Protein backbone atom coordinates (compact mmCIF):
# COMPACT_ATOMS: atom_id res chain seq x y z
CA MET A 1 -155.30 -41.27 109.74
CA LYS A 2 -159.15 -42.20 111.50
CA LEU A 3 -158.61 -44.76 114.61
CA LYS A 4 -161.27 -47.65 115.11
CA LYS A 5 -163.55 -47.98 118.04
CA VAL A 6 -164.29 -50.93 119.61
CA ARG A 7 -166.84 -51.37 122.06
CA ARG A 8 -165.87 -54.41 124.54
CA GLN A 9 -169.09 -55.71 126.14
CA LYS A 10 -169.10 -56.64 129.82
CA LYS A 11 -171.06 -59.61 130.59
CA GLY A 12 -173.97 -58.04 132.83
CA GLY A 13 -172.36 -54.23 132.18
CA THR A 14 -172.00 -51.39 129.98
CA SER A 15 -170.15 -50.65 127.36
CA HIS A 16 -166.78 -48.36 127.06
CA ARG A 17 -165.37 -46.70 124.34
CA ILE A 18 -160.97 -48.19 124.16
CA PHE A 19 -158.55 -46.23 121.70
CA LYS A 20 -155.89 -47.20 120.31
CA PRO A 21 -152.78 -45.81 120.82
CA ARG A 22 -151.06 -43.36 118.49
CA GLN A 23 -148.81 -44.73 115.46
CA VAL A 24 -145.11 -43.72 115.13
CA ARG A 25 -144.66 -40.42 112.29
CA PRO A 26 -142.64 -41.49 109.79
CA SER A 27 -139.17 -39.41 109.21
CA LYS A 28 -140.46 -37.40 106.06
CA TYR A 29 -143.70 -36.57 108.30
CA ARG A 30 -141.44 -35.18 110.74
CA ALA A 31 -139.27 -33.35 107.74
CA ARG A 32 -142.36 -31.92 106.27
CA ARG A 33 -143.25 -30.66 109.04
CA MET A 34 -140.42 -28.61 110.64
CA PHE A 35 -139.78 -27.12 107.10
CA VAL A 36 -143.56 -25.83 107.28
CA LEU A 37 -142.59 -24.46 110.59
CA GLY A 38 -139.08 -23.08 109.92
CA THR A 39 -140.58 -21.54 106.71
CA LEU A 40 -142.95 -19.45 108.86
CA VAL A 41 -140.54 -18.37 111.67
CA VAL A 42 -138.48 -17.45 108.24
CA THR A 43 -141.53 -15.71 107.35
CA LEU A 44 -141.97 -14.01 110.53
CA LEU A 45 -138.79 -12.55 110.94
CA PHE A 46 -138.57 -11.01 107.32
CA LEU A 47 -142.25 -9.09 107.98
CA GLY A 48 -140.83 -8.36 111.72
CA LYS A 49 -137.48 -6.71 109.56
CA ILE A 50 -139.75 -5.05 107.50
CA VAL A 51 -141.86 -3.61 110.37
CA LEU A 52 -139.01 -2.16 112.07
CA GLY A 53 -137.36 -0.87 109.27
CA PHE A 54 -140.07 0.97 107.96
CA PHE A 55 -140.16 3.27 111.66
CA ASP A 56 -136.45 3.24 111.32
CA PHE A 57 -135.37 7.18 110.72
CA GLU A 58 -131.28 5.80 110.34
CA ARG A 59 -132.03 3.43 107.19
CA VAL A 60 -134.77 6.23 105.21
CA GLN A 61 -134.70 8.65 102.97
CA VAL A 62 -135.90 11.71 105.17
CA SER A 63 -137.97 14.69 102.89
CA ILE A 64 -138.70 18.00 104.66
CA ALA A 65 -141.31 19.75 103.77
CA LEU A 66 -141.39 23.81 105.41
CA PHE A 67 -144.03 26.13 106.58
CA GLY A 68 -143.75 29.58 107.38
CA ASN A 69 -140.47 30.70 105.57
CA SER A 70 -140.39 32.98 103.29
CA HIS A 71 -136.67 33.06 102.98
CA TYR A 72 -135.47 29.26 102.68
CA THR A 73 -136.47 26.65 100.48
CA GLU A 74 -136.09 22.66 101.69
CA GLY A 75 -132.80 22.68 99.53
CA GLN A 76 -131.39 25.14 101.87
CA ILE A 77 -131.99 23.96 105.06
CA TYR A 78 -130.11 20.40 103.82
CA ASN A 79 -127.32 21.83 102.52
CA VAL A 80 -127.24 23.85 105.77
CA LEU A 81 -128.04 20.20 107.73
CA GLY A 82 -125.12 18.70 105.06
CA GLU A 83 -123.86 15.38 105.68
CA ASN A 84 -125.19 14.88 109.27
CA LEU A 85 -128.20 14.78 108.58
CA ASP A 86 -129.41 11.59 109.58
CA ASN A 87 -127.67 11.92 113.09
CA ILE A 88 -129.25 15.10 113.37
CA VAL A 89 -132.94 14.35 112.28
CA THR A 90 -132.37 10.69 114.45
CA ASP A 91 -130.13 12.08 117.99
CA SER A 92 -133.39 14.73 119.09
CA GLU A 93 -136.00 17.20 117.56
CA VAL A 94 -134.22 20.17 120.33
CA GLN A 95 -130.70 19.40 118.36
CA THR A 96 -132.54 19.87 114.76
CA VAL A 97 -133.63 23.14 116.00
CA THR A 98 -130.59 24.49 117.79
CA TYR A 99 -128.51 23.73 114.79
CA LEU A 100 -130.96 25.32 112.61
CA LYS A 101 -130.78 28.71 114.49
CA GLU A 102 -127.29 28.47 114.57
CA ASN A 103 -126.91 28.80 111.21
CA LEU A 104 -129.77 30.49 109.66
CA SER A 105 -130.17 34.49 110.77
CA TYR A 106 -133.48 34.46 109.95
CA ILE A 107 -134.29 31.80 111.48
CA GLU A 108 -135.92 32.59 115.18
CA ASP A 109 -137.56 29.56 116.49
CA ALA A 110 -138.39 26.19 114.69
CA HIS A 111 -140.36 23.03 115.72
CA VAL A 112 -139.75 19.86 114.25
CA SER A 113 -141.89 16.38 114.23
CA ARG A 114 -141.39 13.42 112.14
CA SER A 115 -144.17 11.15 110.36
CA PHE A 116 -142.93 8.01 110.07
CA VAL A 117 -146.69 7.16 107.82
CA LYS A 118 -144.54 9.96 105.37
CA ARG A 119 -141.33 9.15 105.73
CA GLN A 120 -141.27 13.12 106.46
CA LEU A 121 -139.81 15.46 108.38
CA THR A 122 -141.77 18.85 109.27
CA ILE A 123 -140.07 21.79 110.50
CA GLU A 124 -142.24 24.48 110.83
CA ILE A 125 -139.95 27.69 111.51
CA THR A 126 -140.74 31.57 112.66
CA GLU A 127 -138.72 34.52 110.84
CA ARG A 128 -137.08 36.96 111.96
CA GLU A 129 -138.54 40.23 110.41
CA PRO A 130 -136.73 43.39 108.90
CA PHE A 131 -136.64 45.84 111.42
CA ALA A 132 -133.79 48.43 111.18
CA ARG A 133 -130.19 49.23 109.31
CA VAL A 134 -126.87 49.23 111.15
CA ASN A 135 -124.45 51.74 110.31
CA HIS A 136 -121.14 50.54 111.92
CA ILE A 137 -118.27 52.49 112.44
CA ILE A 138 -115.11 50.44 112.10
CA LEU A 139 -113.08 51.65 114.72
CA GLU A 140 -109.29 49.67 115.26
CA LYS A 141 -106.54 49.59 118.07
CA THR A 142 -103.35 52.35 117.54
CA LYS A 143 -100.15 51.60 120.10
CA SER A 144 -98.92 55.26 120.03
CA GLU A 145 -94.72 55.46 119.72
CA LYS A 146 -94.00 57.82 122.36
CA THR A 147 -96.41 56.26 125.24
CA SER A 148 -96.81 52.85 123.79
CA GLN A 149 -100.39 52.77 125.28
CA GLU A 150 -103.13 52.18 123.34
CA ARG A 151 -105.12 54.45 121.62
CA VAL A 152 -108.66 53.39 119.47
CA GLY A 153 -108.36 55.68 116.13
CA ARG A 154 -111.23 55.64 113.73
CA LYS A 155 -110.80 53.78 110.19
CA SER A 156 -113.16 55.17 107.20
CA LYS A 157 -114.52 51.74 106.81
CA ASN A 158 -118.16 51.17 107.98
CA GLU A 159 -120.29 48.03 107.21
CA LEU A 160 -124.07 47.82 107.12
CA PHE A 161 -126.38 45.43 108.58
CA LEU A 162 -130.21 44.88 108.69
CA ILE A 163 -131.38 43.54 112.01
CA ASN A 164 -134.96 42.89 113.64
CA GLU A 165 -136.32 44.27 116.41
CA ASP A 166 -133.76 42.77 119.39
CA GLY A 167 -130.94 43.59 117.29
CA TYR A 168 -129.70 40.64 115.60
CA VAL A 169 -127.86 40.38 112.40
CA LEU A 170 -130.04 39.16 109.66
CA GLU A 171 -127.79 39.78 106.80
CA SER A 172 -124.68 42.55 105.25
CA ILE A 173 -126.62 44.62 102.52
CA THR A 174 -125.01 47.20 100.50
CA PRO A 175 -126.04 51.23 100.97
CA GLU A 176 -128.86 50.93 98.07
CA LYS A 177 -130.73 47.56 100.24
CA TYR A 178 -133.41 48.28 102.10
CA ASN A 179 -133.05 51.98 102.49
CA HIS A 180 -136.49 52.95 103.19
CA MET A 181 -135.28 51.34 106.41
CA THR A 182 -133.69 53.81 109.57
CA LEU A 183 -130.61 53.57 110.26
CA ILE A 184 -129.04 53.81 113.40
CA LEU A 185 -125.72 54.65 113.14
CA ASP A 186 -123.05 52.60 115.92
CA GLU A 187 -119.21 52.12 116.16
CA GLY A 188 -116.65 50.04 117.41
CA ILE A 189 -113.73 46.89 117.27
CA GLN A 190 -115.94 44.76 117.00
CA VAL A 191 -117.09 44.10 113.56
CA PRO A 192 -121.16 42.31 114.42
CA LYS A 193 -121.71 38.97 113.22
CA VAL A 194 -124.49 37.32 111.01
CA GLY A 195 -126.70 35.17 112.97
CA LYS A 196 -125.69 37.14 116.30
CA GLN A 197 -127.37 40.06 118.25
CA ILE A 198 -126.25 43.43 118.25
CA ASN A 199 -126.04 44.08 122.07
CA THR A 200 -123.74 47.74 122.01
CA SER A 201 -125.94 50.04 124.44
CA THR A 202 -126.15 52.17 121.23
CA THR A 203 -127.98 49.52 118.80
CA GLN A 204 -130.14 48.90 121.72
CA LEU A 205 -130.75 52.42 122.53
CA GLY A 206 -131.47 53.54 118.85
CA ILE A 207 -134.16 50.17 118.03
CA HIS A 208 -135.65 51.40 121.50
CA THR A 209 -135.83 55.10 120.45
CA LEU A 210 -137.53 53.61 117.07
CA LYS A 211 -140.32 51.14 118.97
CA LEU A 212 -141.04 53.90 120.59
CA ALA A 213 -141.63 56.53 117.65
CA MET A 214 -143.76 53.44 115.68
CA SER A 215 -145.89 53.17 118.98
CA ARG A 216 -146.21 56.75 119.94
CA GLU A 217 -145.87 58.78 116.96
CA PRO A 218 -145.94 56.57 113.68
CA GLU A 219 -146.11 59.75 111.27
CA LEU A 220 -142.91 60.20 112.80
CA ALA A 221 -141.08 57.39 112.16
CA LYS A 222 -142.27 57.45 109.32
CA TYR A 223 -140.06 59.79 108.48
CA MET A 224 -136.70 58.72 110.50
CA LYS A 225 -134.45 58.36 108.95
CA THR A 226 -131.13 57.84 111.27
CA ILE A 227 -131.19 57.88 115.10
CA ASP A 228 -126.87 57.89 116.25
CA ALA A 229 -127.37 57.57 120.18
CA ARG A 230 -123.96 57.12 120.77
CA VAL A 231 -124.31 60.02 123.48
CA SER A 232 -127.40 59.13 125.69
CA GLN A 233 -128.17 62.30 126.41
CA GLN A 234 -127.79 64.41 122.86
CA ILE A 235 -129.92 61.40 120.60
CA LYS A 236 -129.97 62.57 117.05
CA ILE A 237 -132.58 61.94 114.53
CA ASP A 238 -133.05 62.93 111.32
CA ILE A 239 -136.46 63.47 110.17
CA GLU A 240 -136.61 63.47 105.80
CA SER A 241 -139.38 66.78 106.16
CA LEU A 242 -136.56 68.67 108.44
CA PRO A 243 -133.83 69.85 107.35
CA ILE A 244 -132.00 69.76 110.95
CA PRO A 245 -131.37 67.15 113.35
CA VAL A 246 -133.70 66.75 116.25
CA TRP A 247 -131.97 66.19 119.84
CA ILE A 248 -133.49 64.14 122.46
CA ALA A 249 -132.30 63.21 125.61
CA ALA A 250 -132.45 59.22 126.65
CA ASP A 251 -134.25 60.03 129.77
CA LEU A 252 -136.84 62.18 128.43
CA ILE A 253 -137.69 60.19 125.16
CA GLU A 254 -141.14 59.50 124.40
CA THR A 255 -141.44 63.44 125.96
CA GLY A 256 -138.95 64.42 122.93
CA LEU A 257 -140.52 62.20 120.34
CA TYR A 258 -144.08 63.84 121.68
CA HIS A 259 -142.44 67.33 120.68
CA ALA A 260 -140.69 66.43 117.81
CA GLY A 261 -144.05 64.94 115.96
CA LEU A 262 -146.13 67.86 117.38
CA PHE A 263 -143.54 70.81 115.60
CA VAL A 264 -143.65 67.69 112.31
CA GLN A 265 -147.31 67.64 112.37
CA GLN A 266 -147.25 71.50 112.35
CA ARG A 267 -145.27 71.84 109.03
CA GLY A 268 -142.43 73.21 111.71
CA HIS A 269 -139.82 72.92 107.87
CA LEU A 270 -142.35 76.34 106.86
CA ILE A 271 -141.32 77.88 110.24
CA PHE A 272 -137.70 77.37 109.27
CA GLN A 273 -138.01 78.49 105.89
CA ARG A 274 -139.81 82.21 107.98
CA GLU A 275 -136.64 82.32 110.57
CA ARG A 276 -134.21 82.01 107.46
CA GLN A 277 -135.92 85.06 105.27
CA MET A 278 -136.10 87.02 108.22
CA LEU A 279 -132.39 86.50 109.74
CA LYS A 280 -131.34 87.00 105.73
CA THR A 281 -133.57 90.36 106.11
CA ASN A 282 -131.93 91.23 109.99
CA SER A 283 -129.47 89.54 110.21
CA LEU A 284 -127.18 92.23 112.67
CA THR A 285 -130.78 92.72 114.98
CA LYS A 286 -130.10 92.68 118.11
CA THR A 287 -131.95 91.97 121.59
CA ARG A 288 -131.68 93.18 125.19
CA ALA A 289 -130.90 90.63 128.49
CA GLY A 290 -129.57 93.54 130.60
CA ASN A 291 -126.69 94.99 129.55
CA LYS A 292 -125.59 92.31 127.09
CA ASP A 293 -126.26 91.79 123.82
CA ILE A 294 -127.19 88.63 122.84
CA LEU A 295 -126.87 87.58 118.19
CA LEU A 296 -129.40 85.50 116.99
CA PRO A 297 -127.30 82.68 115.74
CA LYS A 298 -127.59 83.38 111.25
CA LYS A 299 -127.71 79.51 110.90
CA TYR A 300 -130.10 76.80 113.28
CA THR A 301 -128.50 73.46 113.29
CA TYR A 302 -130.36 71.85 115.61
CA LEU A 303 -133.53 71.20 117.07
CA ASP A 304 -133.77 70.86 120.98
CA ALA A 305 -136.24 67.99 122.07
CA ARG A 306 -134.12 67.31 125.03
CA TYR A 307 -136.78 68.91 127.59
CA GLU A 308 -139.88 68.19 129.10
CA ASP A 309 -141.90 71.15 128.19
CA THR A 310 -140.07 73.69 125.88
CA LEU A 311 -138.62 72.98 122.69
CA TYR A 312 -135.71 75.28 120.93
CA LEU A 313 -134.28 76.09 117.60
CA GLY A 314 -130.20 75.71 118.54
CA GLY A 315 -127.45 77.26 116.39
CA GLU A 316 -124.00 78.83 116.23
CA SER A 317 -123.48 81.99 117.34
CA LYS A 318 -120.80 84.33 115.97
């Protein structure tokens, strides 16, 4: 509605524009205006809800993308997180990582990130690698009827576990599985648990011995079948090419491995064959040491590499 402009001319003066006052709006006009305004507000609220819902992981079904894993599928991750998936995801990434590490033995570390655009949870996994096997001999406590004292006896049962280089148990295995890996002997009352670290001195010393062999004597490490470190100053190592075990000491592991490796490289098994043949043909040979007669051992039972500069063939003399 246009306002009419009226010019009022004053005598002997200038002319001014005069506007008529605004007319009162009808009630229909006000109602229509309120309706439009209300519709606009409702539309903005609806759009705001959509936008906020887009960034709300609690109301969105989250998909998982895995990187760096070889043992676990997305389905296994879903199964572990279970019904608490929404709570774990929305609470914190740290809680998600902790939960995964506690429930999946191969996971050493994980990094969790969220993608609001893709509606996706990305999990980058660092897995533990198999390093060796552990043959755990189970011991049990028994009470003596006479003295009522507890004694630790040996059970015939033992269990095999696959471990990583830090001693974390990855899984329980059968003798046929991973049988190309070195076997570390251990014993105790408490049976190792999958996902937990074996902190016993025996297993850790066995791991340390195998690591040194891999770094200093890699050719020897390839043929190491078993490591028995239950007696620290008499660590027994079975080597594939030798018919008898090698003994080394905990305070001279590197030296012992060096001597054993050198012995194997020089085809030590041929030395055993030659010595055995000599003993068969001359089993009663004696050597004189002062006034005592010393019989050569009829059977060698170990290769003693516990000394810094000497390697011995050990056995029992009759």
